[in-house]
Structures are given as structure tokens and as C-alpha cells.
């Protein structure tokens, strides 16, 4: 089951807060958010950051799952 609750919260002037079922889960979510922020900031330093479309994001996120399904089906 996919959890649709937010796991990271950005508070202007305060920073980023990570929330998770455990301290380990919160740390992982926080680390991912920090890395995303670094990538966006680096892209902005070179020009501008433009996120990929939702369709491309879905394809990218679920590509490995599709590959796993194909291996099981064969």
C-alpha cells in the first residue's frame, strides 16, 4: 500500500523537517530531500531547474518494477 501522507515539510525561515514511522525512515526521507535540494540549487546556479513531466516521472519511478514484473512473467 502506498503512503500518501507527507514525509517532509519545508518551513520558510526554519528549514526542512522529516517525518517517518521510525527515526531511520525519517532520516532517509530527510536525506533524499536534502539531495534533491542540492540538485535543484546546482541546476539553478547553471541556468534554471525544470522538473520532468508527471508522465515521465511515473515512467521513471516504476520502470524497475515493470522490469521485475517482466522477469517474473517470463
C-alpha atoms as a PDB file:
ATOM      1  CA  UNK A   1       0.000   0.000   0.000  1.00  0.00           C
ATOM      2  CA  UNK A   2       1.329   3.429  -0.952  1.00  0.00           C
ATOM      3  CA  UNK A   3       1.527   6.013   1.822  1.00  0.00           C
ATOM      4  CA  UNK A   4       0.272   9.377   0.549  1.00  0.00           C
ATOM      5  CA  UNK A   5       0.967  11.306   3.750  1.00  0.00           C
ATOM      6  CA  UNK A   6       3.729  13.910   3.519  1.00  0.00           C
ATOM      7  CA  UNK A   7       7.059  12.830   4.954  1.00  0.00           C
ATOM      8  CA  UNK A   8       8.918  16.088   4.560  1.00  0.00           C
ATOM      9  CA  UNK A   9       7.921  19.592   5.469  1.00  0.00           C
ATOM     10  CA  UNK A  10       9.728  22.741   4.332  1.00  0.00           C
ATOM     11  CA  UNK A  11       9.190  25.707   6.653  1.00  0.00           C
ATOM     12  CA  UNK A  12      10.263  29.106   5.345  1.00  0.00           C
ATOM     13  CA  UNK A  13      12.975  30.549   7.566  1.00  0.00           C
ATOM     14  CA  UNK A  14      13.214  27.369   9.667  1.00  0.00           C
ATOM     15  CA  UNK A  15      14.364  24.579   7.377  1.00  0.00           C
ATOM     16  CA  UNK A  16      13.275  21.098   6.448  1.00  0.00           C
ATOM     17  CA  UNK A  17      11.671  18.625   8.821  1.00  0.00           C
ATOM     18  CA  UNK A  18      11.389  14.910   8.051  1.00  0.00           C
ATOM     19  CA  UNK A  19       8.628  12.716   9.428  1.00  0.00           C
ATOM     20  CA  UNK A  20       8.571   8.921   9.362  1.00  0.00           C
ATOM     21  CA  UNK A  21       7.302   5.769  11.014  1.00  0.00           C
ATOM     22  CA  UNK A  22      10.708   5.496  12.702  1.00  0.00           C
ATOM     23  CA  UNK A  23      13.770   7.670  13.180  1.00  0.00           C
ATOM     24  CA  UNK A  24      15.509   5.676  10.432  1.00  0.00           C
ATOM     25  CA  UNK A  25      12.649   6.274   7.968  1.00  0.00           C
ATOM     26  CA  UNK A  26      12.621   9.992   8.789  1.00  0.00           C
ATOM     27  CA  UNK A  27      16.398  10.195   8.267  1.00  0.00           C
ATOM     28  CA  UNK A  28      16.151   8.501   4.871  1.00  0.00           C
ATOM     29  CA  UNK A  29      13.375  10.875   3.793  1.00  0.00           C
ATOM     30  CA  UNK A  30      15.346  13.858   5.045  1.00  0.00           C
ATOM     31  CA  UNK A  31      18.485  12.728   3.219  1.00  0.00           C
ATOM     32  CA  UNK A  32      16.517  12.371  -0.042  1.00  0.00           C
ATOM     33  CA  UNK A  33      15.059  15.854   0.388  1.00  0.00           C
ATOM     34  CA  UNK A  34      18.498  17.365   1.066  1.00  0.00           C
ATOM     35  CA  UNK A  35      19.933  15.715  -2.050  1.00  0.00           C
ATOM     36  CA  UNK A  36      17.028  16.960  -4.162  1.00  0.00           C
ATOM     37  CA  UNK A  37      17.566  20.486  -2.829  1.00  0.00           C
ATOM     38  CA  UNK A  38      21.279  20.287  -3.693  1.00  0.00           C
ATOM     39  CA  UNK A  39      20.482  19.124  -7.238  1.00  0.00           C
ATOM     40  CA  UNK A  40      17.914  21.896  -7.743  1.00  0.00           C
ATOM     41  CA  UNK A  41      20.283  24.542  -6.383  1.00  0.00           C
ATOM     42  CA  UNK A  42      23.101  23.306  -8.632  1.00  0.00           C
ATOM     43  CA  UNK A  43      20.798  23.398 -11.672  1.00  0.00           C
ATOM     44  CA  UNK A  44      19.698  26.932 -10.780  1.00  0.00           C
ATOM     45  CA  UNK A  45      23.348  28.005 -10.488  1.00  0.00           C
ATOM     46  CA  UNK A  46      23.909  26.898 -14.108  1.00  0.00           C
ATOM     47  CA  UNK A  47      20.677  28.285 -15.501  1.00  0.00           C
ATOM     48  CA  UNK A  48      17.307  27.015 -14.382  1.00  0.00           C
ATOM     49  CA  UNK A  49      15.735  23.884 -12.943  1.00  0.00           C
ATOM     50  CA  UNK A  50      12.778  22.403 -14.804  1.00  0.00           C
ATOM     51  CA  UNK A  51      11.186  19.266 -13.370  1.00  0.00           C
ATOM     52  CA  UNK A  52      10.198  16.443 -15.684  1.00  0.00           C
ATOM     53  CA  UNK A  53       6.539  15.922 -16.546  1.00  0.00           C
ATOM     54  CA  UNK A  54       4.289  13.756 -14.344  1.00  0.00           C
ATOM     55  CA  UNK A  55       4.075  11.132 -17.082  1.00  0.00           C
ATOM     56  CA  UNK A  56       7.873  10.932 -17.362  1.00  0.00           C
ATOM     57  CA  UNK A  57       8.192  10.872 -13.573  1.00  0.00           C
ATOM     58  CA  UNK A  58       5.760   7.946 -13.357  1.00  0.00           C
ATOM     59  CA  UNK A  59       7.668   6.059 -16.054  1.00  0.00           C
ATOM     60  CA  UNK A  60      10.971   6.691 -14.305  1.00  0.00           C
ATOM     61  CA  UNK A  61       9.701   5.736 -10.833  1.00  0.00           C
ATOM     62  CA  UNK A  62       8.066   2.489 -11.931  1.00  0.00           C
ATOM     63  CA  UNK A  63      10.490   1.325 -14.629  1.00  0.00           C
ATOM     64  CA  UNK A  64      12.370  -1.038 -12.286  1.00  0.00           C
ATOM     65  CA  UNK A  65       9.067  -2.512 -11.069  1.00  0.00           C
ATOM     66  CA  UNK A  66       7.996  -3.115 -14.671  1.00  0.00           C
ATOM     67  CA  UNK A  67      11.288  -4.822 -15.415  1.00  0.00           C
ATOM     68  CA  UNK A  68      10.847  -7.051 -12.357  1.00  0.00           C
ATOM     69  CA  UNK A  69       7.319  -7.961 -13.479  1.00  0.00           C
ATOM     70  CA  UNK A  70       8.570  -8.897 -16.933  1.00  0.00           C
ATOM     71  CA  UNK A  71      11.222 -11.207 -15.465  1.00  0.00           C
ATOM     72  CA  UNK A  72       8.625 -12.927 -13.291  1.00  0.00           C
ATOM     73  CA  UNK A  73       6.182 -13.339 -16.190  1.00  0.00           C
ATOM     74  CA  UNK A  74       8.756 -14.990 -18.466  1.00  0.00           C
END
